Protein backbone atom coordinates (compact mmCIF):
# COMPACT_ATOMS: atom_id res chain seq x y z
CA MET A 1 0.00 0.00 0.00
CA GLU A 2 1.26 3.47 -0.89
CA VAL A 3 1.42 5.81 2.10
CA ALA A 4 2.07 9.48 2.78
CA ILE A 5 3.65 10.88 5.92
CA LEU A 6 2.44 14.31 6.99
CA GLY A 7 4.83 16.32 9.15
CA ALA A 8 7.67 14.21 7.79
CA THR A 9 10.53 16.44 8.96
CA GLY A 10 9.62 16.53 12.67
CA LEU A 11 10.89 14.04 15.26
CA VAL A 12 7.81 11.82 15.00
CA GLY A 13 7.68 12.20 11.22
CA GLN A 14 11.29 11.09 10.88
CA THR A 15 10.57 8.14 13.14
CA PHE A 16 7.72 7.16 10.81
CA VAL A 17 10.18 7.25 7.91
CA ARG A 18 12.75 5.13 9.72
CA LEU A 19 10.23 2.48 10.77
CA LEU A 20 8.53 2.31 7.36
CA GLU A 21 11.67 2.24 5.21
CA ASN A 22 11.64 -1.53 4.62
CA HIS A 23 8.08 -2.28 5.69
CA SER A 24 6.61 -5.37 4.06
CA TRP A 25 3.07 -3.97 3.69
CA PHE A 26 3.44 -0.19 3.40
CA LYS A 27 5.59 1.78 0.95
CA ILE A 28 6.48 5.44 1.51
CA GLU A 29 5.32 7.26 -1.60
CA ARG A 30 5.00 10.88 -0.48
CA LEU A 31 6.58 13.04 2.21
CA VAL A 32 4.75 16.17 3.29
CA ALA A 33 5.98 19.06 5.42
CA SER A 34 5.71 22.83 5.70
CA GLU A 35 5.94 25.30 2.84
CA ARG A 36 9.58 26.09 3.67
CA SER A 37 10.54 22.46 2.94
CA LYS A 38 8.71 22.32 -0.39
CA GLY A 39 10.80 21.09 -3.31
CA LYS A 40 13.79 20.05 -1.22
CA ARG A 41 15.15 16.52 -1.17
CA TYR A 42 14.34 14.79 2.08
CA LYS A 43 17.98 13.98 2.79
CA ASP A 44 18.85 17.67 2.67
CA ILE A 45 16.51 18.66 5.48
CA ALA A 46 16.02 15.57 7.68
CA GLU A 47 18.25 14.55 10.58
CA TRP A 48 17.74 10.86 9.82
CA VAL A 49 17.46 9.54 6.29
CA SER A 50 18.30 6.47 4.20
CA ASP A 51 19.54 6.33 0.61
CA ASP A 52 16.22 4.97 -0.66
CA ILE A 53 14.13 7.70 0.90
CA GLY A 54 16.56 10.59 0.73
CA ASP A 55 15.89 11.59 -2.88
CA ILE A 56 12.14 11.94 -2.42
CA GLU A 57 11.11 15.55 -2.98
CA VAL A 58 9.16 16.96 -0.06
CA GLU A 59 5.73 18.42 -0.81
CA SER A 60 3.93 21.20 0.97
CA LEU A 61 0.74 20.31 2.79
CA GLU A 62 -1.21 22.67 0.57
CA ASP A 63 -0.04 20.90 -2.59
CA PHE A 64 -0.65 17.44 -1.15
CA LEU A 65 -4.24 18.27 -0.27
CA LYS A 66 -4.94 19.12 -3.90
CA ASN A 67 -4.19 15.53 -4.92
CA PRO A 68 -3.84 13.13 -1.97
CA ASP A 69 -3.51 10.05 -4.17
CA VAL A 70 -2.31 7.42 -1.68
CA ASP A 71 -3.85 4.40 0.04
CA LEU A 72 -3.45 5.72 3.57
CA VAL A 73 -1.91 8.59 5.52
CA PHE A 74 0.20 8.71 8.67
CA SER A 75 -0.18 12.10 10.32
CA ALA A 76 2.52 13.63 12.52
CA LEU A 77 1.06 17.09 12.12
CA PRO A 78 0.89 19.53 15.03
CA SER A 79 -2.51 19.39 16.68
CA SER A 80 -3.06 23.05 15.86
CA ILE A 81 -3.45 22.22 12.15
CA ALA A 82 -4.23 18.51 12.18
CA SER A 83 -7.96 18.73 12.87
CA LYS A 84 -9.29 20.15 9.60
CA VAL A 85 -6.62 18.48 7.46
CA GLU A 86 -7.36 15.01 8.83
CA GLU A 87 -11.11 15.50 8.51
CA LYS A 88 -10.69 16.49 4.85
CA LEU A 89 -8.46 13.53 4.05
CA ALA A 90 -10.72 11.07 5.87
CA GLU A 91 -13.48 11.81 3.38
CA LYS A 92 -11.61 9.46 1.01
CA ILE A 93 -8.56 8.00 2.77
CA PRO A 94 -7.80 6.19 6.06
CA VAL A 95 -5.85 8.49 8.39
CA PHE A 96 -3.73 7.16 11.25
CA SER A 97 -2.96 10.15 13.43
CA ASN A 98 -0.47 10.89 16.14
CA ALA A 99 -2.14 14.25 16.86
CA SER A 100 -4.54 14.80 19.75
CA SER A 101 -7.11 16.72 17.68
CA HIS A 102 -9.67 13.91 17.34
CA ARG A 103 -8.81 11.62 20.27
CA TYR A 104 -11.69 12.69 22.47
CA GLU A 105 -14.50 12.41 19.92
CA ASP A 106 -16.96 9.62 20.63
CA ASP A 107 -16.66 7.96 17.22
CA VAL A 108 -12.85 8.04 16.97
CA PRO A 109 -10.88 5.25 18.65
CA ILE A 110 -7.71 5.92 20.63
CA LEU A 111 -6.18 2.62 19.66
CA VAL A 112 -3.53 0.46 21.33
CA PRO A 113 -3.93 -2.89 19.53
CA GLU A 114 -2.92 -5.09 22.47
CA VAL A 115 -5.35 -3.27 24.75
CA ASN A 116 -8.52 -2.26 22.89
CA ALA A 117 -8.55 -3.77 19.40
CA ASP A 118 -12.32 -4.14 19.76
CA GLN A 119 -12.66 -0.35 19.45
CA LEU A 120 -11.93 -0.68 15.73
CA LYS A 121 -15.69 -1.25 15.58
CA LEU A 122 -16.06 2.51 15.98
CA ILE A 123 -14.76 2.99 12.43
CA GLU A 124 -17.93 1.74 10.79
CA PHE A 125 -20.01 4.00 13.04
CA GLN A 126 -17.71 6.95 12.30
CA GLN A 127 -18.05 6.39 8.55
CA GLU A 128 -21.83 6.22 8.77
CA GLN A 129 -22.14 9.27 11.02
CA ARG A 130 -19.79 11.44 8.98
CA GLU A 131 -20.47 9.93 5.54
CA LEU A 132 -16.82 9.04 4.99
CA GLU A 133 -15.07 6.61 2.67
CA GLY A 134 -11.97 6.82 4.85
CA PHE A 135 -11.72 7.26 8.62
CA ILE A 136 -9.56 8.59 11.44
CA VAL A 137 -7.81 6.40 14.01
CA THR A 138 -5.63 8.00 16.67
CA ASN A 139 -2.95 6.65 18.94
CA PRO A 140 -2.60 7.98 22.50
CA ASN A 141 -0.33 10.51 24.06
CA CYS A 142 3.13 8.95 24.40
CA SER A 143 3.04 8.50 28.18
CA THR A 144 -0.48 7.06 28.03
CA ALA A 145 0.56 4.53 25.39
CA ILE A 146 3.28 3.19 27.67
CA LEU A 147 1.10 3.13 30.79
CA VAL A 148 -2.01 1.39 29.45
CA LEU A 149 -0.17 -1.76 28.40
CA SER A 150 0.59 -2.57 32.04
CA LEU A 151 -2.86 -1.42 33.16
CA LYS A 152 -4.46 -3.84 30.67
CA VAL A 153 -2.78 -6.71 32.52
CA LEU A 154 -4.20 -5.44 35.81
CA LEU A 155 -7.80 -5.50 34.54
CA GLU A 156 -7.83 -9.24 35.17
CA PHE A 157 -7.49 -8.54 38.89
CA GLY A 158 -9.95 -5.65 39.13
CA LEU A 159 -8.21 -2.33 38.59
CA LYS A 160 -9.60 0.25 41.04
CA LYS A 161 -7.13 3.09 41.44
CA VAL A 162 -3.97 4.37 39.70
CA ASN A 163 -1.46 7.03 40.69
CA VAL A 164 1.39 7.67 38.27
CA ALA A 165 4.39 10.01 38.18
CA THR A 166 6.19 10.26 34.85
CA MET A 167 9.80 11.10 34.02
CA GLN A 168 9.56 12.06 30.36
CA ALA A 169 12.35 12.41 27.83
CA ILE A 170 13.17 15.74 26.21
CA SER A 171 12.45 14.37 22.72
CA GLY A 172 8.79 14.35 23.73
CA ALA A 173 8.90 18.14 23.46
CA GLY A 174 10.05 18.06 19.81
CA PHE A 175 13.12 19.54 18.14
CA LYS A 176 12.56 23.01 19.56
CA GLY A 177 10.63 22.16 22.69
CA LEU A 178 13.26 22.86 25.36
CA SER A 179 16.54 24.75 25.45
CA ALA A 180 19.66 23.18 26.94
CA LEU A 181 19.60 25.86 29.63
CA GLN A 182 16.10 24.83 30.68
CA ILE A 183 16.67 21.09 30.98
CA PHE A 184 20.37 20.67 31.85
CA ASP A 185 20.81 19.93 35.56
CA ASN A 186 17.08 20.18 36.02
CA VAL A 187 13.73 18.41 36.39
CA ILE A 188 10.65 20.30 35.22
CA PRO A 189 7.55 19.03 37.11
CA TYR A 190 5.01 20.31 34.62
CA ILE A 191 4.06 19.42 31.03
CA GLU A 192 1.09 21.33 29.70
CA LYS A 193 -2.12 19.26 29.34
CA GLU A 194 -0.16 16.01 29.79
CA GLU A 195 -1.73 14.96 33.07
CA TRP A 196 -5.25 15.49 31.76
CA LYS A 197 -4.39 13.42 28.69
CA ILE A 198 -3.04 10.49 30.70
CA GLU A 199 -6.07 10.42 32.98
CA ASN A 200 -8.76 10.75 30.32
CA GLU A 201 -7.15 8.78 27.51
CA SER A 202 -6.51 5.84 29.84
CA ARG A 203 -10.18 5.72 30.77
CA LYS A 204 -11.31 5.84 27.13
CA ILE A 205 -8.82 3.18 26.01
CA LEU A 206 -9.61 0.77 28.86
CA GLY A 207 -13.32 1.39 28.45
CA PHE A 208 -14.43 2.23 31.99
CA ASP A 209 -14.25 4.99 34.57
CA PHE A 210 -11.72 4.45 37.33
CA GLU A 211 -9.77 6.65 39.70
CA ILE A 212 -6.49 7.83 38.16
CA SER A 213 -4.21 10.72 39.01
CA ALA A 214 -1.00 11.73 37.20
CA ILE A 215 1.96 14.03 37.78
CA THR A 216 4.19 14.59 34.75
CA THR A 217 7.80 15.75 34.71
CA ARG A 218 10.40 16.44 32.03
CA VAL A 219 13.88 15.04 32.73
CA PRO A 220 17.25 15.27 30.92
CA VAL A 221 16.98 11.95 29.06
CA SER A 222 17.06 11.90 25.26
CA HIS A 223 14.50 9.15 24.53
CA GLY A 224 12.33 6.94 26.72
CA HIS A 225 9.61 7.83 29.20
CA THR A 226 9.83 6.25 32.67
CA GLU A 227 6.77 6.03 34.92
CA ALA A 228 6.38 5.18 38.60
CA VAL A 229 2.97 3.54 39.03
CA PHE A 230 0.97 2.86 42.20
CA VAL A 231 -2.19 0.75 41.87
CA GLU A 232 -4.99 -0.67 43.95
CA LEU A 233 -6.79 -3.82 42.81
CA SER A 234 -10.02 -5.58 43.76
CA GLU A 235 -8.28 -8.93 44.26
CA ASP A 236 -5.58 -9.61 46.81
CA ILE A 237 -2.98 -11.44 44.72
CA SER A 238 0.73 -12.09 45.23
CA VAL A 239 3.68 -10.40 43.58
CA GLU A 240 4.46 -13.71 41.87
CA GLU A 241 0.97 -13.90 40.33
CA LEU A 242 1.20 -10.37 39.00
CA ARG A 243 4.73 -10.86 37.70
CA LYS A 244 3.54 -13.98 35.85
CA ALA A 245 0.66 -12.01 34.33
CA PHE A 246 3.08 -9.38 33.01
CA ASP A 247 5.40 -12.07 31.61
CA SER A 248 2.62 -13.94 29.81
CA PHE A 249 0.92 -10.91 28.23
CA ASP A 250 1.24 -11.36 24.46
CA PRO A 251 -2.27 -11.02 23.00
CA LEU A 252 -1.56 -10.46 19.28
CA LYS A 253 1.32 -12.86 18.75
CA LYS A 254 -0.65 -15.09 16.38
CA LEU A 255 -1.51 -12.21 14.01
CA LYS A 256 2.15 -11.82 12.97
CA LEU A 257 1.93 -8.08 12.41
CA PRO A 258 5.24 -6.74 10.98
CA SER A 259 5.86 -4.21 13.77
CA TYR A 260 4.62 -6.39 16.59
CA ALA A 261 6.95 -7.31 19.43
CA LYS A 262 6.22 -8.83 22.81
CA PRO A 263 4.50 -5.86 24.46
CA ILE A 264 5.88 -6.26 28.00
CA VAL A 265 9.13 -7.64 29.37
CA TYR A 266 10.16 -7.69 33.01
CA ARG A 267 13.51 -6.33 34.15
CA LYS A 268 14.57 -5.89 37.77
CA ILE A 269 15.52 -2.22 37.35
CA PRO A 270 14.11 -0.65 34.15
CA GLN A 271 16.27 2.09 32.65
CA PRO A 272 15.69 4.01 29.42
CA LYS A 273 19.33 3.85 28.31
CA LEU A 274 19.29 0.05 28.55
CA HIS A 275 15.72 -0.90 27.65
CA ARG A 276 14.05 1.70 25.40
CA GLU A 277 15.08 -0.11 22.18
CA LEU A 278 13.72 -3.54 23.17
CA GLY A 279 11.47 -4.96 20.47
CA ASN A 280 12.75 -2.28 18.08
CA GLY A 281 11.27 0.27 20.46
CA MET A 282 7.84 -1.37 20.64
CA THR A 283 8.36 -3.30 23.88
CA VAL A 284 7.53 -1.72 27.23
CA THR A 285 9.60 -2.69 30.25
CA VAL A 286 8.12 -3.31 33.71
CA GLY A 287 10.12 -3.76 36.90
CA ARG A 288 10.56 -2.83 40.57
CA LEU A 289 7.28 -4.64 41.29
CA GLU A 290 6.46 -4.64 45.01
CA LYS A 291 3.41 -5.22 47.15
CA ILE A 292 2.84 -2.23 49.43
CA GLY A 293 -0.37 -3.22 51.20
CA GLU A 294 -3.48 -5.32 50.86
CA ARG A 295 -4.39 -5.28 47.15
CA LYS A 296 -1.84 -2.48 46.54
CA PHE A 297 1.28 -2.58 44.37
CA LYS A 298 3.92 -0.29 42.96
CA TYR A 299 6.08 -0.77 39.87
CA VAL A 300 8.10 1.12 37.26
CA THR A 301 7.41 1.00 33.53
CA LEU A 302 9.17 2.62 30.60
CA GLY A 303 9.00 2.73 26.82
CA HIS A 304 10.34 4.56 23.78
CA ASN A 305 8.26 7.69 23.43
CA LEU A 306 8.87 8.18 19.69
CA VAL A 307 8.27 4.52 18.77
CA ARG A 308 5.78 2.79 21.08
CA GLY A 309 4.49 6.19 22.19
CA ALA A 310 4.11 7.71 18.73
CA ALA A 311 5.07 6.54 15.22
CA GLY A 312 5.44 2.84 15.98
CA GLY A 313 2.10 2.72 17.75
CA SER A 314 0.39 4.38 14.80
CA ILE A 315 1.98 1.95 12.34
CA LEU A 316 0.85 -0.99 14.47
CA ASN A 317 -2.68 0.45 14.39
CA ALA A 318 -2.58 0.49 10.59
CA GLU A 319 -1.20 -3.05 10.48
CA LEU A 320 -4.04 -4.31 12.64
CA ALA A 321 -6.63 -2.51 10.50
CA TYR A 322 -5.06 -4.04 7.37
CA LYS A 323 -4.87 -7.53 8.88
CA VAL A 324 -8.55 -7.57 9.86
CA GLY A 325 -9.66 -6.16 6.49
CA ILE A 326 -10.69 -2.65 7.49
CA ILE A 327 -8.22 -1.20 4.98
CA LYS A 328 -7.60 -3.05 1.74
């Protein structure tokens, strides 16, 4: 299938390019960025590029919208412009979006395939409601995407309450998000709108209302978000039972999706420098699991924010939709 990447020169856009370069189902046909990048070869303006992709001439978004002749679109556009663009494209083409613009609409799934694949059913409803030939599927905020994989495991034991404190990499703020002076020798305990996103996206993805509270921080790590999680369950189980549940979680293994990797691995002390690239960046690490009271546990989880938390998650969404026949 021929695909276009919107916002191709940003951090997430370049991660899309890297992950799709030799993809067995999807072929990069068009790269779209801002007007200032129009007409330039991708290798002349991108930080990461391969020989095969580098000679593609970048198009402006305005020109692309005049003739969006591809099979599907991956959108890494800023949320400030993504909304109308994605709605226009979805009239004819499937759109897999990393932007937050449509995440909170009732007929648009926030999809994490291992967690809520059943929410693909919303696509048919969305197409009927909006009279679309295409559709919009979003992936979550990067920190939410990492968190909900472990929370999915906990549903088996009756998830009641979640408190989470994140330590998020600077790449989550984009190329120009933070100056060296701001982040060097520092921790910034505030990321705008991030806490609200974690709390509300987690509820929508898991499909029920539960108590969840988040504090988000930015730390001087290049890639990989780390999260300290405190949970209360309905069942009083042992650490060994919960550890076994994390180890055995592998719900889509039989589908053989190209980007799929075992979603959770356990390591005694998770660290982004050591573990963010596991499963080509698609595997989330869980560790430091301890019981802290009756039905209460704490643990640490981490994942690659640009892969599992962004481009890789969106590609996996498209692979699932292709595998089950929603896109053809």
